[in-house]
Amino acid sequence: MSDCIFCKIVKGEIPCSKVMETDRILAFNDIHPVAPVHVLIVPKEHVATFNDVGESRGEVLAEMYRAAQTIAREKGIAETGYRVTVNVNPDGGQIIFHLHMHVFGGRKLTDAMG
């Protein structure tokens, strides 16, 4: 999708602070973090929402969750605790319509994570 900011980041058209990359996913630090650790994990293929994943893309979801675990270990938050969130559609808080996962940590998280 040509106007999708995450597609542009995946293509290298917009710079990011990479945390991890595989053939199917890219993880990078959020430019507006709400916690000391705030990493976004996106599939390289454009998928608008979690509702659009389907069975054919199940492996990319599994890879995103494995990446979240690895990132939590590498950032030193696996033992103290972290949150993994996928916002879905406007009422779920999704702002950018390219599937993405947030990994939050580095401090005690409250119930209301912005």
PDB file of N, CA and C in Angstrom:
ATOM      1  N   MET A   1       0.850  -1.170   0.000  1.00  0.00           N
ATOM      2  CA  MET A   1       0.000   0.000   0.000  1.00  0.00           C
ATOM      3  C   MET A   1       0.900   1.239   0.000  1.00  0.00           C
ATOM      4  N   SER A   2       0.741   2.096  -0.957  1.00  0.00           N
ATOM      5  CA  SER A   2       1.692   3.179  -1.189  1.00  0.00           C
ATOM      6  C   SER A   2       1.683   4.274  -0.128  1.00  0.00           C
ATOM      7  N   ASP A   3       0.563   4.523   0.545  1.00  0.00           N
ATOM      8  CA  ASP A   3       0.522   5.606   1.513  1.00  0.00           C
ATOM      9  C   ASP A   3       0.645   5.125   2.960  1.00  0.00           C
ATOM     10  N   CYS A   4       0.906   3.862   3.160  1.00  0.00           N
ATOM     11  CA  CYS A   4       1.014   3.295   4.508  1.00  0.00           C
ATOM     12  C   CYS A   4       2.399   3.592   5.091  1.00  0.00           C
ATOM     13  N   ILE A   5       2.430   4.250   6.241  1.00  0.00           N
ATOM     14  CA  ILE A   5       3.704   4.624   6.863  1.00  0.00           C
ATOM     15  C   ILE A   5       4.542   3.393   7.212  1.00  0.00           C
ATOM     16  N   PHE A   6       3.904   2.314   7.692  1.00  0.00           N
ATOM     17  CA  PHE A   6       4.675   1.126   8.043  1.00  0.00           C
ATOM     18  C   PHE A   6       5.215   0.433   6.799  1.00  0.00           C
ATOM     19  N   CYS A   7       4.481   0.453   5.698  1.00  0.00           N
ATOM     20  CA  CYS A   7       5.006  -0.101   4.443  1.00  0.00           C
ATOM     21  C   CYS A   7       6.234   0.692   3.992  1.00  0.00           C
ATOM     22  N   LYS A   8       6.188   2.010   4.169  1.00  0.00           N
ATOM     23  CA  LYS A   8       7.335   2.849   3.807  1.00  0.00           C
ATOM     24  C   LYS A   8       8.534   2.563   4.704  1.00  0.00           C
ATOM     25  N   ILE A   9       8.285   2.298   5.985  1.00  0.00           N
ATOM     26  CA  ILE A   9       9.374   1.936   6.897  1.00  0.00           C
ATOM     27  C   ILE A   9       9.969   0.595   6.483  1.00  0.00           C
ATOM     28  N   VAL A  10       9.117  -0.380   6.177  1.00  0.00           N
ATOM     29  CA  VAL A  10       9.586  -1.698   5.749  1.00  0.00           C
ATOM     30  C   VAL A  10      10.444  -1.588   4.493  1.00  0.00           C
ATOM     31  N   LYS A  11      10.046  -0.732   3.543  1.00  0.00           N
ATOM     32  CA  LYS A  11      10.786  -0.551   2.288  1.00  0.00           C
ATOM     33  C   LYS A  11      12.058   0.274   2.471  1.00  0.00           C
ATOM     34  N   GLY A  12      12.236   0.885   3.639  1.00  0.00           N
ATOM     35  CA  GLY A  12      13.410   1.718   3.877  1.00  0.00           C
ATOM     36  C   GLY A  12      13.237   3.144   3.411  1.00  0.00           C
ATOM     37  N   GLU A  13      12.034   3.531   3.017  1.00  0.00           N
ATOM     38  CA  GLU A  13      11.778   4.895   2.556  1.00  0.00           C
ATOM     39  C   GLU A  13      11.715   5.877   3.723  1.00  0.00           C
ATOM     40  N   ILE A  14      11.363   5.371   4.898  1.00  0.00           N
ATOM     41  CA  ILE A  14      11.353   6.164   6.128  1.00  0.00           C
ATOM     42  C   ILE A  14      12.280   5.451   7.103  1.00  0.00           C
ATOM     43  N   PRO A  15      13.229   6.167   7.694  1.00  0.00           N
ATOM     44  CA  PRO A  15      14.163   5.506   8.615  1.00  0.00           C
ATOM     45  C   PRO A  15      13.472   5.086   9.915  1.00  0.00           C
ATOM     46  N   CYS A  16      14.062   4.080  10.545  1.00  0.00           N
ATOM     47  CA  CYS A  16      13.577   3.629  11.845  1.00  0.00           C
ATOM     48  C   CYS A  16      14.765   3.127  12.648  1.00  0.00           C
ATOM     49  N   SER A  17      14.530   2.972  13.925  1.00  0.00           N
ATOM     50  CA  SER A  17      15.537   2.411  14.821  1.00  0.00           C
ATOM     51  C   SER A  17      15.233   0.924  14.962  1.00  0.00           C
ATOM     52  N   LYS A  18      15.854   0.112  14.076  1.00  0.00           N
ATOM     53  CA  LYS A  18      15.567  -1.327  14.025  1.00  0.00           C
ATOM     54  C   LYS A  18      16.005  -2.024  15.295  1.00  0.00           C
ATOM     55  N   VAL A  19      15.150  -2.935  15.718  1.00  0.00           N
ATOM     56  CA  VAL A  19      15.443  -3.782  16.864  1.00  0.00           C
ATOM     57  C   VAL A  19      15.672  -5.215  16.395  1.00  0.00           C
ATOM     58  N   MET A  20      14.898  -5.642  15.384  1.00  0.00           N
ATOM     59  CA  MET A  20      15.002  -7.003  14.861  1.00  0.00           C
ATOM     60  C   MET A  20      14.395  -7.023  13.461  1.00  0.00           C
ATOM     61  N   GLU A  21      14.932  -7.909  12.615  1.00  0.00           N
ATOM     62  CA  GLU A  21      14.376  -8.072  11.278  1.00  0.00           C
ATOM     63  C   GLU A  21      14.559  -9.505  10.824  1.00  0.00           C
ATOM     64  N   THR A  22      13.504 -10.048  10.195  1.00  0.00           N
ATOM     65  CA  THR A  22      13.567 -11.354   9.547  1.00  0.00           C
ATOM     66  C   THR A  22      13.016 -11.181   8.138  1.00  0.00           C
ATOM     67  N   ASP A  23      12.865 -12.280   7.430  1.00  0.00           N
ATOM     68  CA  ASP A  23      12.287 -12.207   6.088  1.00  0.00           C
ATOM     69  C   ASP A  23      10.844 -11.730   6.110  1.00  0.00           C
ATOM     70  N   ARG A  24      10.117 -11.980   7.230  1.00  0.00           N
ATOM     71  CA  ARG A  24       8.687 -11.677   7.280  1.00  0.00           C
ATOM     72  C   ARG A  24       8.285 -10.533   8.195  1.00  0.00           C
ATOM     73  N   ILE A  25       9.152 -10.141   9.125  1.00  0.00           N
ATOM     74  CA  ILE A  25       8.770  -9.088  10.081  1.00  0.00           C
ATOM     75  C   ILE A  25       9.884  -8.070  10.272  1.00  0.00           C
ATOM     76  N   LEU A  26       9.480  -6.913  10.771  1.00  0.00           N
ATOM     77  CA  LEU A  26      10.420  -5.867  11.155  1.00  0.00           C
ATOM     78  C   LEU A  26       9.978  -5.340  12.521  1.00  0.00           C
ATOM     79  N   ALA A  27      10.916  -5.199  13.432  1.00  0.00           N
ATOM     80  CA  ALA A  27      10.641  -4.623  14.748  1.00  0.00           C
ATOM     81  C   ALA A  27      11.504  -3.375  14.908  1.00  0.00           C
ATOM     82  N   PHE A  28      10.901  -2.318  15.443  1.00  0.00           N
ATOM     83  CA  PHE A  28      11.625  -1.060  15.609  1.00  0.00           C
ATOM     84  C   PHE A  28      11.066  -0.300  16.803  1.00  0.00           C
ATOM     85  N   ASN A  29      11.878   0.600  17.343  1.00  0.00           N
ATOM     86  CA  ASN A  29      11.462   1.413  18.478  1.00  0.00           C
ATOM     87  C   ASN A  29      10.405   2.421  18.039  1.00  0.00           C
ATOM     88  N   ASP A  30       9.374   2.561  18.862  1.00  0.00           N
ATOM     89  CA  ASP A  30       8.317   3.535  18.599  1.00  0.00           C
ATOM     90  C   ASP A  30       8.888   4.944  18.747  1.00  0.00           C
ATOM     91  N   ILE A  31       8.522   5.849  17.845  1.00  0.00           N
ATOM     92  CA  ILE A  31       9.053   7.217  17.928  1.00  0.00           C
ATOM     93  C   ILE A  31       8.340   8.056  18.986  1.00  0.00           C
ATOM     94  N   HIS A  32       7.201   7.560  19.504  1.00  0.00           N
ATOM     95  CA  HIS A  32       6.477   8.221  20.585  1.00  0.00           C
ATOM     96  C   HIS A  32       6.238   7.201  21.699  1.00  0.00           C
ATOM     97  N   PRO A  33       7.307   6.770  22.379  1.00  0.00           N
ATOM     98  CA  PRO A  33       7.158   5.694  23.368  1.00  0.00           C
ATOM     99  C   PRO A  33       6.314   6.128  24.569  1.00  0.00           C
ATOM    100  N   VAL A  34       5.517   5.175  25.074  1.00  0.00           N
ATOM    101  CA  VAL A  34       4.730   5.419  26.280  1.00  0.00           C
ATOM    102  C   VAL A  34       5.280   4.633  27.466  1.00  0.00           C
ATOM    103  N   ALA A  35       6.395   3.964  27.254  1.00  0.00           N
ATOM    104  CA  ALA A  35       7.095   3.218  28.305  1.00  0.00           C
ATOM    105  C   ALA A  35       8.578   3.230  27.942  1.00  0.00           C
ATOM    106  N   PRO A  36       9.462   2.962  28.907  1.00  0.00           N
ATOM    107  CA  PRO A  36      10.899   2.950  28.595  1.00  0.00           C
ATOM    108  C   PRO A  36      11.251   1.998  27.441  1.00  0.00           C
ATOM    109  N   VAL A  37      10.579   0.858  27.363  1.00  0.00           N
ATOM    110  CA  VAL A  37      10.705  -0.030  26.204  1.00  0.00           C
ATOM    111  C   VAL A  37       9.371   0.015  25.487  1.00  0.00           C
ATOM    112  N   HIS A  38       9.377   0.427  24.236  1.00  0.00           N
ATOM    113  CA  HIS A  38       8.166   0.455  23.415  1.00  0.00           C
ATOM    114  C   HIS A  38       8.595   0.143  21.988  1.00  0.00           C
ATOM    115  N   VAL A  39       8.431  -1.123  21.640  1.00  0.00           N
ATOM    116  CA  VAL A  39       8.854  -1.624  20.332  1.00  0.00           C
ATOM    117  C   VAL A  39       7.619  -2.007  19.530  1.00  0.00           C
ATOM    118  N   LEU A  40       7.632  -1.686  18.247  1.00  0.00           N
ATOM    119  CA  LEU A  40       6.568  -2.095  17.330  1.00  0.00           C
ATOM    120  C   LEU A  40       7.079  -3.243  16.471  1.00  0.00           C
ATOM    121  N   ILE A  41       6.241  -4.234  16.256  1.00  0.00           N
ATOM    122  CA  ILE A  41       6.567  -5.366  15.396  1.00  0.00           C
ATOM    123  C   ILE A  41       5.519  -5.386  14.286  1.00  0.00           C
ATOM    124  N   VAL A  42       5.973  -5.339  13.040  1.00  0.00           N
ATOM    125  CA  VAL A  42       5.050  -5.320  11.895  1.00  0.00           C
ATOM    126  C   VAL A  42       5.402  -6.426  10.911  1.00  0.00           C
ATOM    127  N   PRO A  43       4.387  -6.992  10.254  1.00  0.00           N
ATOM    128  CA  PRO A  43       4.694  -7.901   9.154  1.00  0.00           C
ATOM    129  C   PRO A  43       5.160  -7.071   7.956  1.00  0.00           C
ATOM    130  N   LYS A  44       6.048  -7.612   7.174  1.00  0.00           N
ATOM    131  CA  LYS A  44       6.521  -6.878   6.000  1.00  0.00           C
ATOM    132  C   LYS A  44       5.443  -6.799   4.924  1.00  0.00           C
ATOM    133  N   GLU A  45       4.583  -7.792   4.889  1.00  0.00           N
ATOM    134  CA  GLU A  45       3.441  -7.766   3.969  1.00  0.00           C
ATOM    135  C   GLU A  45       2.362  -6.885   4.584  1.00  0.00           C
ATOM    136  N   HIS A  46       1.734  -6.054   3.779  1.00  0.00           N
ATOM    137  CA  HIS A  46       0.675  -5.197   4.305  1.00  0.00           C
ATOM    138  C   HIS A  46      -0.556  -6.035   4.644  1.00  0.00           C
ATOM    139  N   VAL A  47      -0.925  -5.985   5.902  1.00  0.00           N
ATOM    140  CA  VAL A  47      -2.155  -6.584   6.413  1.00  0.00           C
ATOM    141  C   VAL A  47      -2.784  -5.471   7.232  1.00  0.00           C
ATOM    142  N   ALA A  48      -4.000  -5.072   6.899  1.00  0.00           N
ATOM    143  CA  ALA A  48      -4.590  -3.888   7.520  1.00  0.00           C
ATOM    144  C   ALA A  48      -4.850  -4.056   9.018  1.00  0.00           C
ATOM    145  N   THR A  49      -5.500  -5.138   9.415  1.00  0.00           N
ATOM    146  CA  THR A  49      -5.850  -5.322  10.824  1.00  0.00           C
ATOM    147  C   THR A  49      -5.671  -6.785  11.219  1.00  0.00           C
ATOM    148  N   PHE A  50      -5.737  -7.030  12.508  1.00  0.00           N
ATOM    149  CA  PHE A  50      -5.694  -8.392  13.045  1.00  0.00           C
ATOM    150  C   PHE A  50      -6.829  -9.223  12.451  1.00  0.00           C
ATOM    151  N   ASN A  51      -7.973  -8.599  12.174  1.00  0.00           N
ATOM    152  CA  ASN A  51      -9.112  -9.305  11.579  1.00  0.00           C
ATOM    153  C   ASN A  51      -8.801  -9.849  10.183  1.00  0.00           C
ATOM    154  N   ASP A  52      -7.781  -9.314   9.530  1.00  0.00           N
ATOM    155  CA  ASP A  52      -7.437  -9.710   8.158  1.00  0.00           C
ATOM    156  C   ASP A  52      -6.355 -10.780   8.084  1.00  0.00           C
ATOM    157  N   VAL A  53      -5.937 -11.313   9.221  1.00  0.00           N
ATOM    158  CA  VAL A  53      -4.826 -12.265   9.227  1.00  0.00           C
ATOM    159  C   VAL A  53      -5.195 -13.553   8.502  1.00  0.00           C
ATOM    160  N   GLY A  54      -6.208 -14.258   8.908  1.00  0.00           N
ATOM    161  CA  GLY A  54      -6.620 -15.504   8.262  1.00  0.00           C
ATOM    162  C   GLY A  54      -5.610 -16.621   8.440  1.00  0.00           C
ATOM    163  N   GLU A  55      -6.010 -17.806   8.051  1.00  0.00           N
ATOM    164  CA  GLU A  55      -5.156 -18.994   8.221  1.00  0.00           C
ATOM    165  C   GLU A  55      -3.876 -18.930   7.405  1.00  0.00           C
ATOM    166  N   SER A  56      -3.932 -18.330   6.234  1.00  0.00           N
ATOM    167  CA  SER A  56      -2.746 -18.301   5.366  1.00  0.00           C
ATOM    168  C   SER A  56      -1.621 -17.451   5.946  1.00  0.00           C
ATOM    169  N   ARG A  57      -1.952 -16.569   6.892  1.00  0.00           N
ATOM    170  CA  ARG A  57      -0.939 -15.697   7.482  1.00  0.00           C
ATOM    171  C   ARG A  57      -0.662 -16.029   8.947  1.00  0.00           C
ATOM    172  N   GLY A  58      -1.116 -17.171   9.393  1.00  0.00           N
ATOM    173  CA  GLY A  58      -0.935 -17.552  10.793  1.00  0.00           C
ATOM    174  C   GLY A  58       0.515 -17.624  11.216  1.00  0.00           C
ATOM    175  N   GLU A  59       1.384 -18.035  10.325  1.00  0.00           N
ATOM    176  CA  GLU A  59       2.804 -18.154  10.662  1.00  0.00           C
ATOM    177  C   GLU A  59       3.443 -16.806  10.953  1.00  0.00           C
ATOM    178  N   VAL A  60       3.005 -15.769  10.263  1.00  0.00           N
ATOM    179  CA  VAL A  60       3.587 -14.452  10.526  1.00  0.00           C
ATOM    180  C   VAL A  60       3.184 -13.969  11.917  1.00  0.00           C
ATOM    181  N   LEU A  61       1.959 -14.283  12.332  1.00  0.00           N
ATOM    182  CA  LEU A  61       1.542 -13.937  13.698  1.00  0.00           C
ATOM    183  C   LEU A  61       2.393 -14.667  14.723  1.00  0.00           C
ATOM    184  N   ALA A  62       2.613 -15.947  14.490  1.00  0.00           N
ATOM    185  CA  ALA A  62       3.460 -16.728  15.397  1.00  0.00           C
ATOM    186  C   ALA A  62       4.867 -16.133  15.443  1.00  0.00           C
ATOM    187  N   GLU A  63       5.371 -15.697  14.307  1.00  0.00           N
ATOM    188  CA  GLU A  63       6.708 -15.096  14.269  1.00  0.00           C
ATOM    189  C   GLU A  63       6.730 -13.770  15.021  1.00  0.00           C
ATOM    190  N   MET A  64       5.650 -13.009  14.932  1.00  0.00           N
ATOM    191  CA  MET A  64       5.572 -11.753  15.673  1.00  0.00           C
ATOM    192  C   MET A  64       5.613 -12.016  17.182  1.00  0.00           C
ATOM    193  N   TYR A  65       4.900 -13.037  17.653  1.00  0.00           N
ATOM    194  CA  TYR A  65       4.913 -13.356  19.080  1.00  0.00           C
ATOM    195  C   TYR A  65       6.276 -13.877  19.536  1.00  0.00           C
ATOM    196  N   ARG A  66       6.922 -14.691  18.696  1.00  0.00           N
ATOM    197  CA  ARG A  66       8.279 -15.148  19.043  1.00  0.00           C
ATOM    198  C   ARG A  66       9.238 -13.961  19.113  1.00  0.00           C
ATOM    199  N   ALA A  67       9.077 -13.018  18.197  1.00  0.00           N
ATOM    200  CA  ALA A  67       9.916 -11.816  18.208  1.00  0.00           C
ATOM    201  C   ALA A  67       9.691 -11.010  19.483  1.00  0.00           C
ATOM    202  N   ALA A  68       8.436 -10.911  19.932  1.00  0.00           N
ATOM    203  CA  ALA A  68       8.143 -10.182  21.169  1.00  0.00           C
ATOM    204  C   ALA A  68       8.868 -10.821  22.350  1.00  0.00           C
ATOM    205  N   GLN A  69       8.877 -12.146  22.406  1.00  0.00           N
ATOM    206  CA  GLN A  69       9.581 -12.846  23.488  1.00  0.00           C
ATOM    207  C   GLN A  69      11.087 -12.566  23.425  1.00  0.00           C
ATOM    208  N   THR A  70      11.647 -12.635  22.237  1.00  0.00           N
ATOM    209  CA  THR A  70      13.081 -12.383  22.059  1.00  0.00           C
ATOM    210  C   THR A  70      13.428 -10.951  22.433  1.00  0.00           C
ATOM    211  N   ILE A  71      12.623 -10.010  21.976  1.00  0.00           N
ATOM    212  CA  ILE A  71      12.868  -8.601  22.274  1.00  0.00           C
ATOM    213  C   ILE A  71      12.797  -8.357  23.777  1.00  0.00           C
ATOM    214  N   ALA A  72      11.818  -8.953  24.441  1.00  0.00           N
ATOM    215  CA  ALA A  72      11.686  -8.791  25.895  1.00  0.00           C
ATOM    216  C   ALA A  72      12.938  -9.304  26.614  1.00  0.00           C
ATOM    217  N   ARG A  73      13.454 -10.446  26.170  1.00  0.00           N
ATOM    218  CA  ARG A  73      14.692 -10.974  26.777  1.00  0.00           C
ATOM    219  C   ARG A  73      15.857 -10.034  26.510  1.00  0.00           C
ATOM    220  N   GLU A  74      16.009  -9.606  25.254  1.00  0.00           N
ATOM    221  CA  GLU A  74      17.142  -8.755  24.883  1.00  0.00           C
ATOM    222  C   GLU A  74      17.083  -7.379  25.546  1.00  0.00           C
ATOM    223  N   LYS A  75      15.898  -6.864  25.795  1.00  0.00           N
ATOM    224  CA  LYS A  75      15.738  -5.552  26.431  1.00  0.00           C
ATOM    225  C   LYS A  75      15.741  -5.654  27.955  1.00  0.00           C
ATOM    226  N   GLY A  76      15.821  -6.882  28.486  1.00  0.00           N
ATOM    227  CA  GLY A  76      15.916  -7.070  29.925  1.00  0.00           C
ATOM    228  C   GLY A  76      14.604  -6.920  30.674  1.00  0.00           C
ATOM    229  N   ILE A  77      13.480  -7.121  29.996  1.00  0.00           N
ATOM    230  CA  ILE A  77      12.185  -6.961  30.651  1.00  0.00           C
ATOM    231  C   ILE A  77      11.404  -8.272  30.781  1.00  0.00           C
ATOM    232  N   ALA A  78      11.969  -9.361  30.291  1.00  0.00           N
ATOM    233  CA  ALA A  78      11.250 -10.635  30.304  1.00  0.00           C
ATOM    234  C   ALA A  78      10.918 -11.088  31.717  1.00  0.00           C
ATOM    235  N   GLU A  79      11.846 -10.936  32.630  1.00  0.00           N
ATOM    236  CA  GLU A  79      11.631 -11.423  33.997  1.00  0.00           C
ATOM    237  C   GLU A  79      10.782 -10.469  34.835  1.00  0.00           C
ATOM    238  N   THR A  80      10.957  -9.169  34.647  1.00  0.00           N
ATOM    239  CA  THR A  80      10.195  -8.209  35.449  1.00  0.00           C
ATOM    240  C   THR A  80       8.779  -8.032  34.930  1.00  0.00           C
ATOM    241  N   GLY A  81       8.572  -8.230  33.632  1.00  0.00           N
ATOM    242  CA  GLY A  81       7.234  -8.163  33.051  1.00  0.00           C
ATOM    243  C   GLY A  81       7.129  -7.169  31.915  1.00  0.00           C
ATOM    244  N   TYR A  82       6.224  -7.474  31.008  1.00  0.00           N
ATOM    245  CA  TYR A  82       5.991  -6.626  29.843  1.00  0.00           C
ATOM    246  C   TYR A  82       4.589  -6.888  29.324  1.00  0.00           C
ATOM    247  N   ARG A  83       4.155  -6.042  28.412  1.00  0.00           N
ATOM    248  CA  ARG A  83       2.837  -6.170  27.802  1.00  0.00           C
ATOM    249  C   ARG A  83       2.987  -6.261  26.296  1.00  0.00           C
ATOM    250  N   VAL A  84       2.193  -7.147  25.688  1.00  0.00           N
ATOM    251  CA  VAL A  84       2.134  -7.295  24.232  1.00  0.00           C
ATOM    252  C   VAL A  84       0.703  -6.952  23.835  1.00  0.00           C
ATOM    253  N   THR A  85       0.556  -5.977  22.941  1.00  0.00           N
ATOM    254  CA  THR A  85      -0.767  -5.489  22.583  1.00  0.00           C
ATOM    255  C   THR A  85      -0.922  -5.374  21.071  1.00  0.00           C
ATOM    256  N   VAL A  86      -2.097  -5.774  20.583  1.00  0.00           N
ATOM    257  CA  VAL A  86      -2.486  -5.540  19.192  1.00  0.00           C
ATOM    258  C   VAL A  86      -3.814  -4.794  19.244  1.00  0.00           C
ATOM    259  N   ASN A  87      -3.819  -3.559  18.787  1.00  0.00           N
ATOM    260  CA  ASN A  87      -5.058  -2.775  18.723  1.00  0.00           C
ATOM    261  C   ASN A  87      -5.759  -3.081  17.408  1.00  0.00           C
ATOM    262  N   VAL A  88      -7.079  -3.230  17.451  1.00  0.00           N
ATOM    263  CA  VAL A  88      -7.833  -3.604  16.257  1.00  0.00           C
ATOM    264  C   VAL A  88      -8.947  -2.593  15.995  1.00  0.00           C
ATOM    265  N   ASN A  89      -8.844  -1.919  14.880  1.00  0.00           N
ATOM    266  CA  ASN A  89      -9.842  -0.954  14.402  1.00  0.00           C
ATOM    267  C   ASN A  89      -9.962   0.250  15.347  1.00  0.00           C
ATOM    268  N   PRO A  90     -10.702   1.278  14.935  1.00  0.00           N
ATOM    269  CA  PRO A  90     -10.727   2.531  15.689  1.00  0.00           C
ATOM    270  C   PRO A  90     -11.139   2.396  17.164  1.00  0.00           C
ATOM    271  N   ASP A  91     -12.190   1.660  17.448  1.00  0.00           N
ATOM    272  CA  ASP A  91     -12.623   1.543  18.844  1.00  0.00           C
ATOM    273  C   ASP A  91     -11.620   0.761  19.690  1.00  0.00           C
ATOM    274  N   GLY A  92     -10.769  -0.028  19.057  1.00  0.00           N
ATOM    275  CA  GLY A  92      -9.723  -0.762  19.767  1.00  0.00           C
ATOM    276  C   GLY A  92      -8.431   0.038  19.884  1.00  0.00           C
ATOM    277  N   GLY A  93      -8.422   1.255  19.348  1.00  0.00           N
ATOM    278  CA  GLY A  93      -7.262   2.121  19.460  1.00  0.00           C
ATOM    279  C   GLY A  93      -6.297   2.065  18.287  1.00  0.00           C
ATOM    280  N   GLN A  94      -6.645   1.343  17.210  1.00  0.00           N
ATOM    281  CA  GLN A  94      -5.743   1.267  16.059  1.00  0.00           C
ATOM    282  C   GLN A  94      -5.775   2.585  15.297  1.00  0.00           C
ATOM    283  N   ILE A  95      -4.595   3.158  15.085  1.00  0.00           N
ATOM    284  CA  ILE A  95      -4.468   4.435  14.376  1.00  0.00           C
ATOM    285  C   ILE A  95      -3.884   4.211  12.984  1.00  0.00           C
ATOM    286  N   ILE A  96      -2.886   3.344  12.897  1.00  0.00           N
ATOM    287  CA  ILE A  96      -2.258   3.031  11.614  1.00  0.00           C
ATOM    288  C   ILE A  96      -2.788   1.674  11.170  1.00  0.00           C
ATOM    289  N   PHE A  97      -3.375   1.636   9.984  1.00  0.00           N
ATOM    290  CA  PHE A  97      -4.014   0.416   9.517  1.00  0.00           C
ATOM    291  C   PHE A  97      -3.057  -0.464   8.715  1.00  0.00           C
ATOM    292  N   HIS A  98      -2.057  -0.913   9.451  1.00  0.00           N
ATOM    293  CA  HIS A  98      -1.109  -1.954   9.051  1.00  0.00           C
ATOM    294  C   HIS A  98      -0.912  -2.725  10.350  1.00  0.00           C
ATOM    295  N   LEU A  99      -1.255  -3.991  10.342  1.00  0.00           N
ATOM    296  CA  LEU A  99      -1.148  -4.805  11.546  1.00  0.00           C
ATOM    297  C   LEU A  99       0.175  -4.531  12.248  1.00  0.00           C
ATOM    298  N   HIS A 100       0.114  -4.305  13.553  1.00  0.00           N
ATOM    299  CA  HIS A 100       1.336  -4.115  14.333  1.00  0.00           C
ATOM    300  C   HIS A 100       1.091  -4.510  15.777  1.00  0.00           C
ATOM    301  N   MET A 101       2.162  -4.923  16.391  1.00  0.00           N
ATOM    302  CA  MET A 101       2.142  -5.372  17.780  1.00  0.00           C
ATOM    303  C   MET A 101       3.038  -4.431  18.575  1.00  0.00           C
ATOM    304  N   HIS A 102       2.558  -4.025  19.747  1.00  0.00           N
ATOM    305  CA  HIS A 102       3.349  -3.207  20.653  1.00  0.00           C
ATOM    306  C   HIS A 102       3.945  -4.104  21.734  1.00  0.00           C
ATOM    307  N   VAL A 103       5.198  -3.871  22.071  1.00  0.00           N
ATOM    308  CA  VAL A 103       5.835  -4.511  23.223  1.00  0.00           C
ATOM    309  C   VAL A 103       6.206  -3.370  24.166  1.00  0.00           C
ATOM    310  N   PHE A 104       5.554  -3.345  25.342  1.00  0.00           N
ATOM    311  CA  PHE A 104       5.781  -2.303  26.345  1.00  0.00           C
ATOM    312  C   PHE A 104       6.459  -2.897  27.557  1.00  0.00           C
ATOM    313  N   GLY A 105       7.369  -2.168  28.171  1.00  0.00           N
ATOM    314  CA  GLY A 105       7.981  -2.629  29.414  1.00  0.00           C
ATOM    315  C   GLY A 105       8.970  -1.629  29.951  1.00  0.00           C
ATOM    316  N   GLY A 106       9.674  -2.038  30.995  1.00  0.00           N
ATOM    317  CA  GLY A 106      10.691  -1.190  31.577  1.00  0.00           C
ATOM    318  C   GLY A 106      10.239  -0.416  32.800  1.00  0.00           C
ATOM    319  N   ARG A 107       8.979  -0.559  33.161  1.00  0.00           N
ATOM    320  CA  ARG A 107       8.430   0.043  34.377  1.00  0.00           C
ATOM    321  C   ARG A 107       7.128  -0.674  34.681  1.00  0.00           C
ATOM    322  N   LYS A 108       6.576  -0.442  35.880  1.00  0.00           N
ATOM    323  CA  LYS A 108       5.283  -1.016  36.230  1.00  0.00           C
ATOM    324  C   LYS A 108       4.236  -0.378  35.342  1.00  0.00           C
ATOM    325  N   LEU A 109       3.481  -1.209  34.627  1.00  0.00           N
ATOM    326  CA  LEU A 109       2.479  -0.713  33.692  1.00  0.00           C
ATOM    327  C   LEU A 109       1.137  -0.568  34.405  1.00  0.00           C
ATOM    328  N   THR A 110       0.419   0.504  34.098  1.00  0.00           N
ATOM    329  CA  THR A 110      -0.895   0.726  34.683  1.00  0.00           C
ATOM    330  C   THR A 110      -1.954   0.080  33.794  1.00  0.00           C
ATOM    331  N   ASP A 111      -3.183   0.053  34.258  1.00  0.00           N
ATOM    332  CA  ASP A 111      -4.268  -0.500  33.461  1.00  0.00           C
ATOM    333  C   ASP A 111      -4.539   0.326  32.211  1.00  0.00           C
ATOM    334  N   ALA A 112      -4.317   1.602  32.294  1.00  0.00           N
ATOM    335  CA  ALA A 112      -4.625   2.494  31.170  1.00  0.00           C
ATOM    336  C   ALA A 112      -3.352   2.864  30.418  1.00  0.00           C
ATOM    337  N   MET A 113      -2.927   1.996  29.530  1.00  0.00           N
ATOM    338  CA  MET A 113      -1.768   2.305  28.676  1.00  0.00           C
ATOM    339  C   MET A 113      -2.293   3.057  27.466  1.00  0.00           C
ATOM    340  N   GLY A 114      -1.822   4.288  27.262  1.00  0.00           N
ATOM    341  CA  GLY A 114      -2.272   5.116  26.155  1.00  0.00           C
ATOM    342  C   GLY A 114      -2.024   4.511  24.900  1.00  0.00           C
TER     343      GLY A 114
END
